[in-house]
Amino acid sequence: MREEAKVSDPLTTSRTARESLARGLNALQADPTVPSHLVDLAAPIAQAMGALHQLERTNQLAPHADVALNHVRGALAKLQAAGGTHPAVDQAVGAVAQSLSLVHSLSKMANGPAPMQPAPMQPQPAPMQPQPAPVASRAPQGHHPFPAPQQTAPQPMAHQQQMRDPFAAPAPAGAKPPSPSMPVPAPPPGGNMQLVSADLGAHSPTNFYKGLAGNDIIDHGGLFVSTYVPPKIGTPIRLKVSLPGGYEFEANAVVRWTREQGEDASPGFGAAFTAITPEARQLVYRYVRNREPLFYDEL
């Protein structure tokens, strides 16, 4: 696969993003068969190109990078809503999606890292004054000079249910709840699973995949992660997925298959999702609408 073009400075990044936007603009305006209401979708693309041109002319990232990013996101949302109505719209979607990660990197350069705030000064406790020792003969009968420690009431089972991992798979039907005498503490998301980072771009070797079982990426496929050191098959992992435009999500998965280096194939492994939030599921569907997933026959 062709690797993503790497840019070295803001001006090169801006020109590369503007060239990609120009391809999307040309796809909508050069085809005479595109209906007029679809040609109107080119307006935010042109506005984003204008902001990038100002950035290159003035050599100033702010505020032009943020303006361009807002227009690119708006253009992509409108194009995706009209997807499938005309081939030119689908071409424009691909071109605008390729520019999104570049414009997002310009916006991050413009804003820079947030300055570190000094830690607030903690007030120093006043020095303790020595207290006279209590006189045992003056203590009332049956009174202890030190109060007994308070016992913490056990948490009800309903509270334990609320604290469970939101990413954990639902319990199977008919499963018995934990015994009240043996409360099970809620593990953190992912538990002790190995954390694996996966960065996806327009042409990254890492990509979602599907098989013969069905077309749904989540239910009948998964994510191929390009790496030279894949985990063993059957290993449960925690995926941290980064998508173009600065979108990220985490999900639980299990390693289903591995692949060695080939002439036309990158080494890595395929992981099937075992627990994923509805919001993350929608991010996956949005990505595969703009980029065809891989095919891998697990049967």
Protein backbone atom coordinates (compact mmCIF):
# COMPACT_ATOMS: atom_id res chain seq x y z
CA MET A 1 0.00 0.00 0.00
CA ARG A 2 1.05 3.61 -0.65
CA GLU A 3 2.00 5.37 2.57
CA GLU A 4 0.57 8.75 3.51
CA ALA A 5 2.59 11.74 2.37
CA LYS A 6 4.55 13.25 5.22
CA VAL A 7 4.79 17.02 5.42
CA SER A 8 7.60 18.92 7.06
CA ASP A 9 6.27 22.46 7.58
CA PRO A 10 2.94 24.35 7.86
CA LEU A 11 3.13 25.85 4.35
CA THR A 12 3.68 22.45 2.72
CA THR A 13 0.86 21.01 4.83
CA SER A 14 -1.46 23.82 3.77
CA ARG A 15 -0.65 23.45 0.07
CA THR A 16 -1.14 19.68 0.19
CA ALA A 17 -4.53 20.08 1.92
CA ARG A 18 -5.59 22.80 -0.55
CA GLU A 19 -4.69 20.60 -3.53
CA SER A 20 -6.84 17.80 -2.10
CA LEU A 21 -9.74 20.22 -1.59
CA ALA A 22 -9.31 21.47 -5.16
CA ARG A 23 -9.88 17.92 -6.44
CA GLY A 24 -13.12 17.74 -4.49
CA LEU A 25 -14.22 21.15 -5.76
CA ASN A 26 -13.43 20.21 -9.34
CA ALA A 27 -15.38 16.94 -9.05
CA LEU A 28 -18.55 18.89 -8.24
CA GLN A 29 -18.11 21.83 -10.61
CA ALA A 30 -16.55 20.23 -13.70
CA ASP A 31 -19.25 17.60 -14.29
CA PRO A 32 -22.24 19.17 -16.09
CA THR A 33 -24.52 16.32 -15.01
CA VAL A 34 -24.28 17.28 -11.32
CA PRO A 35 -27.61 18.81 -10.17
CA SER A 36 -27.50 22.41 -9.01
CA HIS A 37 -28.40 21.58 -5.41
CA LEU A 38 -25.35 19.29 -5.24
CA VAL A 39 -23.09 21.93 -6.80
CA ASP A 40 -24.00 24.15 -3.84
CA LEU A 41 -22.10 21.68 -1.63
CA ALA A 42 -18.89 23.12 -3.10
CA ALA A 43 -19.32 26.40 -1.18
CA PRO A 44 -17.73 25.31 2.14
CA ILE A 45 -14.92 23.61 0.18
CA ALA A 46 -14.13 26.90 -1.55
CA GLN A 47 -14.26 28.75 1.78
CA ALA A 48 -11.78 26.30 3.31
CA MET A 49 -9.45 26.77 0.33
CA GLY A 50 -9.68 30.55 0.77
CA ALA A 51 -8.69 30.30 4.44
CA LEU A 52 -5.70 28.12 3.54
CA HIS A 53 -4.67 30.58 0.84
CA GLN A 54 -4.70 33.39 3.42
CA LEU A 55 -2.57 31.22 5.72
CA GLU A 56 0.02 30.73 2.97
CA ARG A 57 -0.04 34.40 1.91
CA THR A 58 0.40 35.82 5.43
CA ASN A 59 2.46 32.89 6.79
CA GLN A 60 0.28 33.00 9.92
CA LEU A 61 -1.51 29.93 11.24
CA ALA A 62 -4.00 31.76 13.46
CA PRO A 63 -6.85 32.26 12.85
CA HIS A 64 -6.83 30.85 9.32
CA ALA A 65 -6.13 27.22 10.35
CA ASP A 66 -9.17 27.06 12.66
CA VAL A 67 -11.39 28.74 10.04
CA ALA A 68 -10.31 26.22 7.42
CA LEU A 69 -10.90 23.30 9.81
CA ASN A 70 -14.48 24.41 10.54
CA HIS A 71 -15.25 24.72 6.80
CA VAL A 72 -13.70 21.31 6.00
CA ARG A 73 -15.71 19.59 8.72
CA GLY A 74 -18.90 21.29 7.55
CA ALA A 75 -18.22 20.35 3.92
CA LEU A 76 -17.54 16.72 4.80
CA ALA A 77 -20.71 16.44 6.87
CA LYS A 78 -22.87 17.80 4.02
CA LEU A 79 -21.18 15.62 1.42
CA GLN A 80 -21.61 12.48 3.52
CA ALA A 81 -25.31 13.28 3.99
CA ALA A 82 -25.69 13.47 0.19
CA GLY A 83 -23.49 10.42 -0.48
CA GLY A 84 -24.67 7.95 -3.12
CA THR A 85 -26.75 10.51 -5.02
CA HIS A 86 -24.08 11.14 -7.70
CA PRO A 87 -20.59 9.75 -8.43
CA ALA A 88 -19.12 13.26 -8.26
CA VAL A 89 -20.27 13.57 -4.65
CA ASP A 90 -18.47 10.35 -3.72
CA GLN A 91 -15.28 11.64 -5.38
CA ALA A 92 -15.58 14.90 -3.44
CA VAL A 93 -16.05 12.99 -0.16
CA GLY A 94 -12.77 11.15 -0.65
CA ALA A 95 -10.84 14.30 -1.51
CA VAL A 96 -12.21 16.34 1.40
CA ALA A 97 -11.66 13.45 3.85
CA GLN A 98 -7.97 13.28 2.80
CA SER A 99 -7.53 16.98 3.57
CA LEU A 100 -9.19 16.78 7.00
CA SER A 101 -6.24 15.27 8.88
CA LEU A 102 -3.85 17.80 7.31
CA VAL A 103 -6.01 20.80 8.23
CA HIS A 104 -6.48 19.38 11.72
CA SER A 105 -2.69 19.22 12.17
CA LEU A 106 -2.48 22.89 11.11
CA SER A 107 -5.06 23.79 13.75
CA LYS A 108 -3.04 21.96 16.40
CA MET A 109 0.08 23.88 15.32
CA ALA A 110 -1.83 27.16 15.56
CA ASN A 111 -3.15 26.54 19.05
CA GLY A 112 0.01 24.89 20.39
CA PRO A 113 0.21 22.90 23.62
CA ALA A 114 -1.73 24.27 26.57
CA PRO A 115 0.53 26.10 29.03
CA MET A 116 1.18 24.26 32.24
CA GLN A 117 -0.43 25.83 35.27
CA PRO A 118 1.58 25.91 38.50
CA ALA A 119 0.21 23.68 41.19
CA PRO A 120 -1.79 25.63 43.78
CA MET A 121 -0.10 26.21 47.09
CA GLN A 122 -1.46 23.96 49.77
CA PRO A 123 -2.12 25.72 53.07
CA GLN A 124 0.23 24.54 55.78
CA PRO A 125 -1.53 23.16 58.87
CA ALA A 126 -1.08 25.12 62.05
CA PRO A 127 1.37 23.54 64.51
CA MET A 128 -0.38 21.37 67.02
CA GLN A 129 -0.40 22.63 70.55
CA PRO A 130 0.41 20.07 73.24
CA GLN A 131 -2.71 19.02 75.06
CA PRO A 132 -2.74 18.03 78.72
CA ALA A 133 -3.08 14.32 79.30
CA PRO A 134 -6.61 13.28 80.34
CA VAL A 135 -7.10 12.44 83.97
CA ALA A 136 -8.50 8.93 84.27
CA SER A 137 -10.12 9.61 87.65
CA ARG A 138 -12.28 12.39 86.18
CA ALA A 139 -13.63 10.38 83.26
CA PRO A 140 -17.30 9.37 83.67
CA GLN A 141 -18.03 5.74 84.37
CA GLY A 142 -18.09 3.70 81.17
CA HIS A 143 -16.74 6.60 79.06
CA HIS A 144 -13.67 6.04 76.88
CA PRO A 145 -11.45 9.09 76.30
CA PHE A 146 -11.10 8.19 72.58
CA PRO A 147 -14.24 7.62 70.42
CA ALA A 148 -14.54 4.26 68.72
CA PRO A 149 -13.88 4.32 64.97
CA GLN A 150 -16.99 4.46 62.82
CA GLN A 151 -17.78 1.38 60.80
CA THR A 152 -18.42 1.94 57.10
CA ALA A 153 -21.68 0.40 55.98
CA PRO A 154 -21.30 -2.07 53.11
CA GLN A 155 -22.39 -0.75 49.72
CA PRO A 156 -25.64 -2.26 48.38
CA MET A 157 -25.50 -4.47 45.34
CA ALA A 158 -27.31 -1.85 43.23
CA HIS A 159 -24.41 0.54 43.75
CA GLN A 160 -21.93 -2.12 42.70
CA GLN A 161 -23.88 -2.69 39.52
CA GLN A 162 -23.62 1.03 38.64
CA MET A 163 -19.83 1.00 39.08
CA ARG A 164 -19.21 -1.81 36.62
CA ASP A 165 -17.09 -1.30 33.52
CA PRO A 166 -19.21 0.53 30.90
CA PHE A 167 -17.27 -1.29 28.15
CA ALA A 168 -17.84 -4.79 29.62
CA ALA A 169 -19.90 -7.25 27.60
CA PRO A 170 -23.47 -7.80 28.88
CA ALA A 171 -24.04 -10.82 31.12
CA PRO A 172 -25.56 -13.84 29.36
CA ALA A 173 -29.22 -14.60 29.89
CA GLY A 174 -29.90 -16.66 33.02
CA ALA A 175 -26.55 -15.84 34.63
CA LYS A 176 -26.67 -15.62 38.42
CA PRO A 177 -25.64 -12.33 40.05
CA PRO A 178 -22.63 -12.34 42.41
CA SER A 179 -23.33 -13.48 45.93
CA PRO A 180 -23.89 -10.56 48.38
CA SER A 181 -21.33 -12.12 50.70
CA MET A 182 -18.66 -12.06 47.95
CA PRO A 183 -18.85 -8.58 46.32
CA VAL A 184 -16.86 -8.26 43.09
CA PRO A 185 -15.09 -4.88 42.69
CA ALA A 186 -15.60 -3.20 39.32
CA PRO A 187 -12.41 -3.32 37.21
CA PRO A 188 -11.20 -0.25 35.29
CA PRO A 189 -12.00 -0.11 31.52
CA GLY A 190 -9.84 -2.70 29.83
CA GLY A 191 -8.73 -4.26 33.13
CA ASN A 192 -5.20 -5.62 32.81
CA MET A 193 -5.44 -5.96 29.04
CA GLN A 194 -2.53 -4.95 26.83
CA LEU A 195 -3.15 -1.46 25.37
CA VAL A 196 -2.56 -1.32 21.61
CA SER A 197 -2.57 2.00 19.71
CA ALA A 198 -3.89 1.99 16.13
CA ASP A 199 -3.60 5.09 13.89
CA LEU A 200 -5.79 5.16 10.79
CA GLY A 201 -5.37 7.53 7.86
CA ALA A 202 -6.54 7.75 4.27
CA HIS A 203 -3.86 5.28 3.11
CA SER A 204 -2.51 3.77 6.33
CA PRO A 205 -1.67 0.02 6.35
CA THR A 206 -3.85 -0.20 9.48
CA ASN A 207 -7.48 -0.53 8.37
CA PHE A 208 -10.77 -2.18 9.28
CA TYR A 209 -11.56 -5.56 7.71
CA LYS A 210 -14.56 -7.75 6.96
CA GLY A 211 -15.03 -11.40 6.01
CA LEU A 212 -17.50 -13.80 4.42
CA ALA A 213 -19.74 -13.94 7.51
CA GLY A 214 -21.33 -10.53 6.77
CA ASN A 215 -20.78 -6.91 5.83
CA ASP A 216 -20.97 -5.37 9.31
CA ILE A 217 -17.45 -4.34 10.35
CA ILE A 218 -18.17 -4.61 14.08
CA ASP A 219 -20.16 -7.87 14.10
CA HIS A 220 -18.51 -9.73 11.19
CA GLY A 221 -15.03 -8.18 10.97
CA GLY A 222 -12.68 -6.10 13.05
CA LEU A 223 -9.51 -4.00 12.84
CA PHE A 224 -6.23 -4.97 11.19
CA VAL A 225 -3.30 -3.40 13.09
CA SER A 226 -0.03 -3.14 11.18
CA THR A 227 2.90 -4.21 13.41
CA TYR A 228 5.97 -6.42 13.27
CA VAL A 229 5.29 -7.81 16.77
CA PRO A 230 1.68 -9.07 16.86
CA PRO A 231 0.18 -10.54 20.06
CA LYS A 232 -0.67 -14.23 20.18
CA ILE A 233 -3.98 -15.39 18.73
CA GLY A 234 -6.67 -15.38 21.42
CA THR A 235 -5.06 -12.55 23.43
CA PRO A 236 -7.61 -10.02 24.78
CA ILE A 237 -6.44 -6.45 24.15
CA ARG A 238 -7.58 -2.87 24.63
CA LEU A 239 -7.54 -0.91 21.35
CA LYS A 240 -6.93 2.86 21.31
CA VAL A 241 -8.00 3.92 17.81
CA SER A 242 -7.08 7.33 16.33
CA LEU A 243 -9.05 8.51 13.27
CA PRO A 244 -8.56 11.44 10.86
CA GLY A 245 -9.80 14.74 12.21
CA GLY A 246 -8.62 14.15 15.76
CA TYR A 247 -11.32 11.60 16.64
CA GLU A 248 -10.38 8.80 19.05
CA PHE A 249 -12.05 5.92 20.87
CA GLU A 250 -11.15 2.85 22.92
CA ALA A 251 -12.70 -0.61 22.75
CA ASN A 252 -12.05 -4.17 23.92
CA ALA A 253 -11.03 -6.76 21.33
CA VAL A 254 -9.44 -10.19 20.92
CA VAL A 255 -6.72 -11.23 18.46
CA ARG A 256 -8.25 -13.52 15.78
CA TRP A 257 -5.45 -13.90 13.21
CA THR A 258 -1.94 -12.75 12.36
CA ARG A 259 -0.15 -12.02 9.07
CA GLU A 260 3.55 -12.04 8.18
CA GLN A 261 5.37 -9.62 5.88
CA GLY A 262 4.57 -10.21 2.20
CA GLU A 263 5.26 -8.57 -1.15
CA ASP A 264 1.94 -6.70 -1.18
CA ALA A 265 0.90 -7.09 2.45
CA SER A 266 1.99 -5.45 5.68
CA PRO A 267 2.64 -7.60 8.76
CA GLY A 268 0.22 -7.35 11.66
CA PHE A 269 -2.85 -8.92 13.23
CA GLY A 270 -6.64 -8.84 13.00
CA ALA A 271 -8.65 -8.13 16.15
CA ALA A 272 -12.41 -8.66 16.54
CA PHE A 273 -14.28 -6.22 18.78
CA THR A 274 -15.75 -7.68 21.96
CA ALA A 275 -17.02 -4.47 23.62
CA ILE A 276 -17.52 -1.09 21.96
CA THR A 277 -19.68 1.95 22.75
CA PRO A 278 -22.44 3.14 20.37
CA GLU A 279 -20.50 6.38 19.79
CA ALA A 280 -17.37 4.48 18.77
CA ARG A 281 -19.44 2.21 16.51
CA GLN A 282 -20.70 5.27 14.61
CA LEU A 283 -17.11 6.53 14.16
CA VAL A 284 -16.18 3.18 12.62
CA TYR A 285 -19.14 3.29 10.22
CA ARG A 286 -18.26 6.87 9.20
CA TYR A 287 -14.67 5.86 8.43
CA VAL A 288 -15.54 2.82 6.29
CA ARG A 289 -17.97 4.93 4.24
CA ASN A 290 -14.95 6.93 3.03
CA ARG A 291 -12.45 4.08 2.76
CA GLU A 292 -13.02 0.51 1.61
CA PRO A 293 -12.15 -1.98 4.38
CA LEU A 294 -9.80 -4.92 3.86
CA PHE A 295 -11.09 -8.44 3.20
CA TYR A 296 -9.96 -11.42 5.24
CA ASP A 297 -11.55 -14.86 5.17
CA GLU A 298 -11.55 -16.20 8.74
CA LEU A 299 -13.54 -19.32 7.82
